[in-house]
Amino acid sequence: MMNKGKVKLINGPVVKGSGMGDFKLNEMVTVGDKKLIGEVVALDRDVATVQVYEETEGLLAGENILPTGAPLSISLGPGMLGNMFDGIQRPLKTIEEMSPNFIPEGIGLISIDEEKKWWVDIIVNVGQKLKQGDVYATVQETQSVVHKLMLPPNIEGTVESVKPSGKYTIHKVIVKLKLNNGKIHELTLVQKWPVRKPRPTSQRIPIYKPLITGQRVIDTFFPVAKGGTVALPGGFGTGKTVTQHQFAKWCDADIIVYIGCGERGNEMTNVLEEFPALIDPRTNRPLMERTILIANTSNMPVAAREASIYTGITMAEYFRDMGYDVAIMADSTSRWAEALREISGRLEEMPAEEGYPAYLPSRLAQFYERAGCVKTLNNKEASVTIIGAVSPAGGDFSEPVTENTKRFVSAFLALDKKLAYARHYPAVNYLTSYSNYITPLSNWYSDNVAPDMLYLRTKMLRLLQDEEKLNEIVQLVG
């Protein structure tokens, strides 16, 4: 018989339940009669604290809390590209068809279309030995991206039977694998993965290639590397979102994951309107064909904002494992940190600086640590680059989110109010910005741009610094 808890206390997105001694930490649960999605974040004997990812209005004490037996996970398979999800991977296009104005509570939708049939090319044979990360089939997901179906981590065995190449839905078994312990493992077009657990790789490799962003001031003065981490801080109106949009449109990554985390809904609307109309110069196909959007805007539940960052990075790691270079735009990590602060307050945890939880630095580190240039399990070179916007209140770069982010990123592109108000975009301040990727990328610039590129870059920066000094004298003397 399935164990079930009872709702004992409701405090916004935080719910406490009794009779939950058999539940596990980080287990995904359904709360109440509406089956709201939640996650166990604390256990104390038989009392569990659940973080609910939907609005809890109308929830009553005494309603059931049911376990799912699995951590908060997302479905990974064909159908993600060109799609738009919320913070817990519910498809917003499907929700709009059901409820045009609002997201109904307890709407447990399947993330990827289960009825659509994909043409699948099977590339393994009976008797073939497969190990984790090996590709057993491919799907032409969009005209510019081939989706490779890979053996999940920690699974090895011999192919017992295969279906012929043809059209299949995502849950159709196409390959049966006999594991080393004699059990049969069925492979479909989709796999589940917990969002808080990084996907494994065979090794990390040194960074050596730049991510060409299409913005000359960044590519020349403060380059970003494939597999790098970038902070994009700036006050209100300095152009953080516009700069992120420019990166998403023109950078030379294979896949873009754009996470709208706690920002205004009209910004996500701009992406939805512009990207299908813009053509990728490398493939001559719409930019939307290589893009996944995760929209968790400011009017959506706070707890799901916290989950949206992990959902996005898990999707990025999945495409990285296929051998693609992936870029993540997180706009904005400050709103994510504010969600952590709100939930921490409701959990009655001891606050640290400016009310943020004491574990803010470690959470930021866990997120940025998932970037990197790697050798995948099937020995392909690939990367995940994270570009995180930071929105310090009043443009104060000494606040905790900006200060802690600086510890974990290697490129810091500070956006300046004066430049922005002078209509100078992107408003990157050349005095306070920096990039630690100059040295790792020096060989690439020497070979592909000009042998004296770095010398000329240093000369230009010195000239701009001299100009700033002279401006100060001009202001004093008049």
Protein backbone atom coordinates (compact mmCIF):
# COMPACT_ATOMS: atom_id res chain seq x y z
CA MET A 1 0.00 0.00 0.00
CA MET A 2 1.31 3.46 -0.94
CA ASN A 3 2.35 5.64 2.00
CA LYS A 4 0.70 9.01 2.11
CA GLY A 5 1.12 12.09 4.25
CA LYS A 6 -1.39 14.69 5.37
CA VAL A 7 -1.10 18.46 4.90
CA LYS A 8 -0.43 19.97 8.32
CA LEU A 9 0.64 23.57 7.61
CA ILE A 10 0.49 25.84 4.54
CA ASN A 11 2.80 28.85 4.27
CA GLY A 12 2.76 30.13 0.67
CA PRO A 13 4.79 27.70 -1.48
CA VAL A 14 6.00 25.83 1.64
CA VAL A 15 3.79 23.02 2.96
CA LYS A 16 4.44 20.79 5.98
CA GLY A 17 3.01 17.29 6.09
CA SER A 18 2.74 14.65 8.82
CA GLY A 19 2.99 10.88 8.48
CA MET A 20 5.82 11.21 5.93
CA GLY A 21 8.60 9.28 7.70
CA ASP A 22 9.04 6.95 4.69
CA PHE A 23 9.42 9.76 2.16
CA LYS A 24 12.90 10.61 0.81
CA LEU A 25 14.74 13.93 0.69
CA ASN A 26 14.36 15.64 -2.73
CA GLU A 27 11.56 13.21 -3.66
CA MET A 28 8.92 14.58 -6.01
CA VAL A 29 5.41 14.47 -4.50
CA THR A 30 1.86 15.47 -5.40
CA VAL A 31 0.08 17.69 -2.88
CA GLY A 32 -3.66 17.90 -2.21
CA ASP A 33 -6.70 16.95 -4.25
CA LYS A 34 -5.48 19.09 -7.17
CA LYS A 35 -2.23 17.03 -7.33
CA LEU A 36 0.09 20.05 -7.11
CA ILE A 37 3.72 19.20 -7.94
CA GLY A 38 6.16 19.56 -5.04
CA GLU A 39 9.55 18.42 -3.74
CA VAL A 40 10.57 17.28 -0.24
CA VAL A 41 13.22 19.75 0.99
CA ALA A 42 13.47 18.78 4.69
CA LEU A 43 12.62 15.79 6.90
CA ASP A 44 12.16 15.77 10.68
CA ARG A 45 11.05 12.34 11.95
CA ASP A 46 7.61 11.89 10.33
CA VAL A 47 7.16 15.58 9.42
CA ALA A 48 8.34 16.65 5.95
CA THR A 49 8.65 20.12 4.46
CA VAL A 50 7.54 20.29 0.83
CA GLN A 51 8.37 23.06 -1.64
CA VAL A 52 5.34 23.35 -3.96
CA TYR A 53 5.95 24.46 -7.56
CA GLU A 54 2.40 25.74 -8.11
CA GLU A 55 0.03 28.20 -6.42
CA THR A 56 -1.25 26.76 -3.13
CA GLU A 57 -4.44 28.85 -2.95
CA GLY A 58 -7.40 26.64 -2.04
CA LEU A 59 -5.22 23.90 -0.49
CA LEU A 60 -6.67 22.59 2.80
CA ALA A 61 -5.10 21.05 5.90
CA GLY A 62 -5.74 17.30 5.98
CA GLU A 63 -5.46 16.77 2.21
CA ASN A 64 -3.17 13.96 1.02
CA ILE A 65 0.50 14.19 0.03
CA LEU A 66 1.44 11.29 -2.26
CA PRO A 67 4.99 10.14 -3.16
CA THR A 68 6.16 9.49 -6.72
CA GLY A 69 9.19 7.42 -5.71
CA ALA A 70 11.57 9.55 -7.80
CA PRO A 71 13.43 12.87 -7.46
CA LEU A 72 12.32 15.96 -9.41
CA SER A 73 13.14 14.82 -12.97
CA ILE A 74 12.54 15.93 -16.54
CA SER A 75 11.98 14.00 -19.79
CA LEU A 76 14.78 14.23 -22.35
CA GLY A 77 14.06 13.29 -25.95
CA PRO A 78 12.99 14.57 -29.40
CA GLY A 79 10.50 17.45 -29.29
CA MET A 80 12.32 19.85 -26.94
CA LEU A 81 13.86 22.12 -29.60
CA GLY A 82 11.66 25.01 -30.69
CA ASN A 83 9.44 24.43 -27.68
CA MET A 84 8.67 26.58 -24.63
CA PHE A 85 8.39 25.16 -21.12
CA ASP A 86 7.76 26.47 -17.62
CA GLY A 87 10.24 25.95 -14.75
CA ILE A 88 9.27 22.29 -14.23
CA GLN A 89 9.13 21.42 -17.96
CA ARG A 90 5.41 21.70 -18.61
CA PRO A 91 4.78 22.67 -22.27
CA LEU A 92 3.29 26.17 -22.34
CA LYS A 93 1.92 25.82 -25.90
CA THR A 94 -0.20 22.84 -24.81
CA ILE A 95 -1.31 24.65 -21.63
CA GLU A 96 -2.36 27.68 -23.72
CA GLU A 97 -4.67 25.48 -25.81
CA MET A 98 -6.33 24.24 -22.60
CA SER A 99 -6.41 27.54 -20.67
CA PRO A 100 -5.49 30.66 -22.73
CA ASN A 101 -4.99 33.12 -19.85
CA PHE A 102 -3.76 31.26 -16.76
CA ILE A 103 -1.96 28.03 -15.90
CA PRO A 104 -4.46 25.84 -14.01
CA GLU A 105 -3.27 24.20 -10.76
CA GLY A 106 -2.41 20.51 -10.80
CA ILE A 107 -2.10 20.29 -14.57
CA GLY A 108 0.26 17.30 -14.76
CA LEU A 109 1.04 17.43 -18.48
CA ILE A 110 3.52 15.25 -20.33
CA SER A 111 6.52 17.43 -21.24
CA ILE A 112 7.09 16.04 -24.74
CA ASP A 113 4.41 15.17 -27.30
CA GLU A 114 3.64 11.45 -26.85
CA GLU A 115 1.55 11.08 -30.01
CA LYS A 116 3.90 12.61 -32.59
CA LYS A 117 5.76 10.04 -34.67
CA TRP A 118 9.45 10.64 -35.44
CA TRP A 119 11.50 9.02 -38.18
CA VAL A 120 14.14 7.01 -36.30
CA ASP A 121 17.33 5.65 -37.90
CA ILE A 122 18.49 2.64 -35.86
CA ILE A 123 22.30 2.36 -36.04
CA VAL A 124 22.98 -0.74 -33.89
CA ASN A 125 22.72 -4.47 -34.65
CA VAL A 126 21.78 -7.56 -32.65
CA GLY A 127 24.79 -8.85 -30.69
CA GLN A 128 26.54 -5.47 -30.61
CA LYS A 129 27.99 -4.45 -27.24
CA LEU A 130 26.98 -1.00 -25.98
CA LYS A 131 28.27 1.06 -23.08
CA GLN A 132 26.98 4.23 -21.40
CA GLY A 133 26.79 7.19 -23.76
CA ASP A 134 26.81 5.11 -26.97
CA VAL A 135 24.37 6.25 -29.67
CA TYR A 136 21.84 3.58 -30.69
CA ALA A 137 19.59 5.69 -32.97
CA THR A 138 19.27 9.16 -34.52
CA VAL A 139 16.30 11.44 -35.18
CA GLN A 140 16.30 14.51 -37.47
CA GLU A 141 14.57 16.68 -34.85
CA THR A 142 14.80 19.90 -36.86
CA GLN A 143 16.38 20.53 -40.24
CA SER A 144 19.50 21.90 -38.52
CA VAL A 145 19.84 19.51 -35.53
CA VAL A 146 20.23 15.71 -35.46
CA HIS A 147 19.00 14.29 -32.14
CA LYS A 148 21.18 11.37 -31.02
CA LEU A 149 19.55 8.78 -28.76
CA MET A 150 22.17 7.66 -26.24
CA LEU A 151 22.44 4.88 -23.72
CA PRO A 152 21.74 6.38 -20.26
CA PRO A 153 24.68 6.62 -17.81
CA ASN A 154 25.62 3.48 -15.82
CA ILE A 155 24.04 1.06 -18.31
CA GLU A 156 26.04 -1.48 -20.36
CA GLY A 157 25.04 -4.62 -22.22
CA THR A 158 24.52 -6.48 -25.49
CA VAL A 159 21.80 -5.71 -28.04
CA GLU A 160 19.13 -8.44 -27.76
CA SER A 161 16.67 -7.16 -30.40
CA VAL A 162 16.12 -4.05 -32.56
CA LYS A 163 13.21 -2.59 -34.48
CA PRO A 164 13.77 -1.58 -38.12
CA SER A 165 14.24 2.12 -38.92
CA GLY A 166 10.88 3.84 -39.23
CA LYS A 167 8.35 6.15 -37.57
CA TYR A 168 7.87 5.74 -33.82
CA THR A 169 6.38 7.64 -30.88
CA ILE A 170 8.70 8.59 -28.00
CA HIS A 171 7.62 5.72 -25.70
CA LYS A 172 7.92 2.95 -28.31
CA VAL A 173 10.60 0.37 -27.43
CA ILE A 174 13.06 0.34 -30.33
CA VAL A 175 16.02 -1.56 -28.82
CA LYS A 176 16.18 -4.27 -26.14
CA LEU A 177 19.47 -4.56 -24.29
CA LYS A 178 20.63 -7.55 -22.27
CA LEU A 179 22.50 -6.11 -19.29
CA ASN A 180 25.61 -7.70 -17.78
CA ASN A 181 23.46 -9.06 -14.91
CA GLY A 182 21.16 -10.86 -17.39
CA LYS A 183 18.19 -8.47 -17.10
CA ILE A 184 16.54 -6.96 -20.19
CA HIS A 185 16.58 -3.14 -20.44
CA GLU A 186 14.19 -1.51 -22.92
CA LEU A 187 15.34 1.60 -24.80
CA THR A 188 12.85 4.15 -26.14
CA LEU A 189 13.24 7.65 -27.62
CA VAL A 190 13.07 9.33 -24.20
CA GLN A 191 14.91 9.13 -20.87
CA LYS A 192 14.37 10.72 -17.45
CA TRP A 193 17.04 12.56 -15.49
CA PRO A 194 16.97 14.28 -12.04
CA VAL A 195 17.49 18.02 -12.53
CA ARG A 196 19.73 18.54 -9.48
CA LYS A 197 22.19 15.80 -10.50
CA PRO A 198 24.89 16.73 -13.07
CA ARG A 199 25.10 14.33 -16.03
CA PRO A 200 28.44 12.46 -16.02
CA THR A 201 31.25 12.92 -18.55
CA SER A 202 34.47 10.98 -19.17
CA GLN A 203 36.74 13.98 -18.46
CA ARG A 204 37.01 17.75 -18.41
CA ILE A 205 39.40 19.25 -20.94
CA PRO A 206 41.12 22.65 -21.01
CA ILE A 207 39.28 25.51 -22.69
CA TYR A 208 40.80 26.53 -26.03
CA LYS A 209 38.01 27.81 -28.35
CA PRO A 210 36.17 31.14 -28.08
CA LEU A 211 32.40 31.47 -28.21
CA ILE A 212 32.02 34.08 -30.94
CA THR A 213 29.17 36.25 -29.66
CA GLY A 214 28.82 38.59 -32.64
CA GLN A 215 29.49 41.61 -30.37
CA ARG A 216 32.86 43.11 -31.32
CA VAL A 217 33.55 44.80 -27.97
CA ILE A 218 33.15 41.42 -26.23
CA ASP A 219 34.92 39.23 -28.81
CA THR A 220 37.88 41.63 -28.93
CA PHE A 221 38.33 42.97 -25.40
CA PHE A 222 36.60 40.45 -23.11
CA PRO A 223 36.29 37.13 -24.99
CA VAL A 224 34.04 34.31 -23.83
CA ALA A 225 35.23 30.71 -24.16
CA LYS A 226 33.19 27.67 -25.16
CA GLY A 227 32.65 25.94 -21.83
CA GLY A 228 33.15 29.20 -19.94
CA THR A 229 31.16 31.06 -17.32
CA VAL A 230 30.12 34.69 -17.75
CA ALA A 231 28.40 37.19 -15.47
CA LEU A 232 26.50 40.06 -17.04
CA PRO A 233 25.66 42.49 -14.21
CA GLY A 234 24.00 45.85 -14.69
CA GLY A 235 21.49 48.22 -13.18
CA PHE A 236 18.00 48.90 -14.47
CA GLY A 237 17.91 49.90 -18.15
CA THR A 238 21.54 49.04 -18.95
CA GLY A 239 20.58 46.43 -21.56
CA LYS A 240 21.14 43.06 -19.86
CA THR A 241 18.20 41.35 -21.54
CA VAL A 242 18.92 42.91 -24.95
CA THR A 243 22.56 41.76 -24.70
CA GLN A 244 21.41 38.25 -23.73
CA HIS A 245 19.05 38.26 -26.74
CA GLN A 246 21.97 39.29 -28.99
CA PHE A 247 24.06 36.41 -27.63
CA ALA A 248 21.20 33.97 -28.18
CA LYS A 249 20.70 35.19 -31.76
CA TRP A 250 24.23 35.41 -33.08
CA CYS A 251 26.66 33.36 -30.96
CA ASP A 252 28.16 30.32 -32.70
CA ALA A 253 26.79 27.70 -30.28
CA ASP A 254 24.92 24.72 -31.78
CA ILE A 255 22.07 24.81 -29.23
CA ILE A 256 20.66 27.73 -27.17
CA VAL A 257 18.78 27.28 -23.89
CA TYR A 258 17.18 30.59 -22.87
CA ILE A 259 15.93 30.70 -19.26
CA GLY A 260 13.66 33.63 -18.45
CA CYS A 261 13.88 33.39 -14.68
CA GLY A 262 11.69 35.90 -12.84
CA GLU A 263 11.89 38.61 -15.49
CA ARG A 264 9.02 40.37 -17.27
CA GLY A 265 6.74 38.36 -19.53
CA ASN A 266 7.01 40.82 -22.44
CA GLU A 267 10.73 39.97 -22.74
CA MET A 268 9.89 36.31 -23.40
CA THR A 269 7.22 37.51 -25.85
CA ASN A 270 9.94 39.39 -27.78
CA VAL A 271 11.95 36.17 -28.06
CA LEU A 272 8.89 34.23 -29.25
CA GLU A 273 8.13 36.86 -31.90
CA GLU A 274 11.71 37.49 -33.12
CA PHE A 275 13.42 34.09 -33.12
CA PRO A 276 11.09 32.28 -35.59
CA ALA A 277 11.51 35.21 -38.01
CA LEU A 278 15.34 35.38 -37.78
CA ILE A 279 17.52 33.14 -39.94
CA ASP A 280 20.60 31.41 -38.52
CA PRO A 281 23.46 32.44 -40.90
CA ARG A 282 25.19 29.07 -40.45
CA THR A 283 22.22 26.85 -41.38
CA ASN A 284 19.85 29.28 -43.19
CA ARG A 285 17.07 27.98 -40.93
CA PRO A 286 14.96 29.85 -38.31
CA LEU A 287 16.85 30.45 -35.05
CA MET A 288 13.99 28.82 -33.12
CA GLU A 289 15.04 25.43 -34.54
CA ARG A 290 18.11 25.38 -32.29
CA THR A 291 16.51 27.07 -29.25
CA ILE A 292 14.72 25.85 -26.11
CA LEU A 293 12.85 28.47 -24.07
CA ILE A 294 12.13 28.13 -20.36
CA ALA A 295 9.73 30.85 -19.23
CA ASN A 296 9.29 31.38 -15.52
CA THR A 297 8.28 35.01 -15.47
CA SER A 298 7.79 37.27 -12.45
CA ASN A 299 4.07 36.45 -12.11
CA MET A 300 4.65 32.68 -11.97
CA PRO A 301 5.16 30.72 -8.71
CA VAL A 302 8.38 31.59 -6.88
CA ALA A 303 9.41 27.99 -6.14
CA ALA A 304 9.32 27.03 -9.83
CA ARG A 305 11.69 29.94 -10.50
CA GLU A 306 14.25 28.16 -8.33
CA ALA A 307 13.75 24.90 -10.28
CA SER A 308 13.88 26.55 -13.75
CA ILE A 309 17.66 27.08 -13.59
CA TYR A 310 18.25 23.36 -12.94
CA THR A 311 15.77 22.33 -15.63
CA GLY A 312 17.64 24.46 -18.18
CA ILE A 313 21.12 23.22 -17.29
CA THR A 314 19.97 19.56 -17.40
CA MET A 315 18.59 20.05 -20.93
CA ALA A 316 21.89 21.72 -21.92
CA GLU A 317 23.95 18.82 -20.54
CA TYR A 318 21.80 16.34 -22.48
CA PHE A 319 22.58 18.06 -25.81
CA ARG A 320 26.23 18.46 -24.75
CA ASP A 321 26.39 14.66 -24.35
CA MET A 322 25.45 14.36 -28.05
CA GLY A 323 28.61 16.34 -28.92
CA TYR A 324 27.06 19.81 -29.34
CA ASP A 325 28.32 23.16 -28.04
CA VAL A 326 25.48 24.55 -25.92
CA ALA A 327 25.03 28.09 -24.57
CA ILE A 328 22.72 28.91 -21.66
CA MET A 329 21.31 32.41 -21.15
CA ALA A 330 20.03 32.74 -17.57
CA ASP A 331 18.07 35.98 -17.17
CA SER A 332 18.34 36.67 -14.32
CA THR A 333 20.24 34.80 -11.60
CA SER A 334 19.34 37.60 -9.16
CA ARG A 335 15.65 36.69 -9.43
CA TRP A 336 16.63 33.06 -8.80
CA ALA A 337 18.57 34.14 -5.69
CA GLU A 338 15.54 36.16 -4.55
CA ALA A 339 13.42 33.01 -4.89
CA LEU A 340 15.96 31.18 -2.70
CA ARG A 341 15.71 34.03 -0.18
CA GLU A 342 11.92 33.90 -0.05
CA ILE A 343 11.76 30.13 0.36
CA SER A 344 14.57 30.22 2.95
CA GLY A 345 12.59 32.81 4.93
CA ARG A 346 9.46 30.66 4.87
CA LEU A 347 11.54 27.68 6.03
CA GLU A 348 12.66 29.88 8.99
CA GLU A 349 16.35 29.43 8.18
CA MET A 350 18.93 31.81 9.64
CA PRO A 351 19.47 34.62 7.10
CA ALA A 352 22.92 35.82 6.07
CA GLU A 353 23.86 39.09 4.33
CA GLU A 354 20.84 41.09 3.07
CA GLY A 355 18.51 38.25 4.04
CA TYR A 356 19.94 35.75 1.53
CA PRO A 357 20.47 32.20 2.85
CA ALA A 358 23.95 31.24 4.04
CA TYR A 359 24.14 28.61 1.26
CA LEU A 360 23.74 31.17 -1.58
CA PRO A 361 27.46 30.93 -2.59
CA SER A 362 27.38 27.13 -2.70
CA ARG A 363 24.18 27.10 -4.81
CA LEU A 364 25.72 29.58 -7.27
CA ALA A 365 28.89 27.45 -7.37
CA GLN A 366 26.85 24.27 -8.05
CA PHE A 367 25.16 26.00 -10.98
CA TYR A 368 28.25 27.53 -12.63
CA GLU A 369 30.26 24.35 -11.98
CA ARG A 370 28.03 22.52 -14.48
CA ALA A 371 29.53 24.58 -17.32
CA GLY A 372 32.70 23.32 -18.96
CA CYS A 373 34.48 21.90 -21.99
CA VAL A 374 34.35 18.10 -21.74
CA LYS A 375 34.96 14.75 -23.38
CA THR A 376 31.56 13.03 -23.36
CA LEU A 377 30.97 9.38 -22.43
CA ASN A 378 31.16 8.49 -26.15
CA ASN A 379 34.46 10.42 -26.46
CA LYS A 380 33.19 13.52 -28.29
CA GLU A 381 34.36 17.05 -27.48
CA ALA A 382 31.49 19.30 -26.39
CA SER A 383 30.76 22.21 -24.08
CA VAL A 384 28.20 24.07 -21.98
CA THR A 385 28.69 27.83 -21.67
CA ILE A 386 26.71 29.72 -19.00
CA ILE A 387 25.96 33.42 -19.44
CA GLY A 388 24.14 34.63 -16.34
CA ALA A 389 22.63 38.10 -16.05
CA VAL A 390 22.78 39.68 -12.59
CA SER A 391 20.38 42.47 -11.58
CA PRO A 392 21.88 44.24 -8.54
CA ALA A 393 19.43 46.58 -6.81
CA GLY A 394 20.31 50.18 -7.69
CA GLY A 395 23.26 49.00 -9.79
CA ASP A 396 25.27 48.26 -6.61
CA PHE A 397 27.89 45.65 -7.55
CA SER A 398 28.84 45.09 -3.90
CA GLU A 399 25.57 43.27 -3.11
CA PRO A 400 25.81 39.52 -2.26
CA VAL A 401 24.63 37.98 -5.58
CA THR A 402 27.09 39.99 -7.71
CA GLU A 403 29.96 39.55 -5.24
CA ASN A 404 29.46 35.79 -4.95
CA THR A 405 28.94 35.36 -8.70
CA LYS A 406 32.33 37.04 -9.31
CA ARG A 407 33.96 34.24 -7.33
CA PHE A 408 32.74 31.55 -9.72
CA VAL A 409 32.90 33.14 -13.19
CA SER A 410 35.90 33.86 -15.37
CA ALA A 411 34.41 36.66 -17.49
CA PHE A 412 32.71 39.69 -15.95
CA LEU A 413 30.94 42.00 -18.40
CA ALA A 414 29.84 44.98 -16.31
CA LEU A 415 27.14 47.07 -17.99
CA ASP A 416 27.39 50.81 -17.34
CA LYS A 417 24.48 53.22 -16.80
CA LYS A 418 26.32 56.20 -18.32
CA LEU A 419 27.06 54.31 -21.54
CA ALA A 420 23.50 52.96 -21.71
CA TYR A 421 21.94 56.41 -21.21
CA ALA A 422 24.25 57.73 -23.94
CA ARG A 423 22.72 55.05 -26.24
CA HIS A 424 26.03 53.17 -26.41
CA TYR A 425 25.10 49.47 -26.72
CA PRO A 426 26.21 46.96 -25.59
CA ALA A 427 27.05 49.19 -22.61
CA VAL A 428 30.10 47.16 -21.50
CA ASN A 429 32.34 49.21 -19.22
CA TYR A 430 35.90 48.60 -20.41
CA LEU A 431 37.43 49.63 -17.05
CA THR A 432 35.50 47.36 -14.66
CA SER A 433 34.95 44.39 -17.03
CA TYR A 434 37.49 41.59 -17.39
CA SER A 435 37.98 38.16 -18.96
CA ASN A 436 40.35 35.47 -17.69
CA TYR A 437 40.07 33.60 -20.99
CA ILE A 438 42.64 35.75 -22.83
CA THR A 439 45.55 33.39 -22.05
CA PRO A 440 43.76 30.08 -22.86
CA LEU A 441 42.47 31.57 -26.14
CA SER A 442 45.71 33.32 -27.17
CA ASN A 443 46.79 30.56 -29.59
CA TRP A 444 43.37 30.58 -31.30
CA TYR A 445 43.49 34.36 -31.78
CA SER A 446 47.07 34.22 -33.10
CA ASP A 447 46.20 31.47 -35.60
CA ASN A 448 42.74 32.67 -36.70
CA VAL A 449 42.70 36.47 -36.35
CA ALA A 450 46.21 37.99 -36.39
CA PRO A 451 49.57 37.14 -34.78
CA ASP A 452 49.67 40.55 -33.06
CA MET A 453 45.99 40.51 -32.00
CA LEU A 454 46.69 40.40 -28.24
CA TYR A 455 49.30 43.18 -28.50
CA LEU A 456 46.81 45.41 -30.34
CA ARG A 457 44.08 44.57 -27.81
CA THR A 458 46.33 45.64 -24.91
CA LYS A 459 47.22 48.84 -26.78
CA MET A 460 43.54 49.70 -27.36
CA LEU A 461 42.61 49.08 -23.73
CA ARG A 462 45.50 51.30 -22.58
CA LEU A 463 44.28 54.04 -24.90
CA LEU A 464 40.77 53.82 -23.44
CA GLN A 465 42.17 53.95 -19.90
CA ASP A 466 44.21 57.06 -20.78
CA GLU A 467 41.03 58.64 -22.17
CA GLU A 468 39.26 58.05 -18.85
CA LYS A 469 42.10 59.73 -16.93
CA LEU A 470 42.03 62.72 -19.29
CA ASN A 471 38.23 62.97 -18.92
CA GLU A 472 38.67 63.34 -15.17
CA ILE A 473 41.19 66.16 -15.69
CA VAL A 474 38.85 67.85 -18.21
CA GLN A 475 36.01 67.75 -15.68
CA LEU A 476 38.24 69.28 -13.01
CA VAL A 477 39.85 71.97 -15.17
CA GLY A 478 36.86 72.61 -17.45
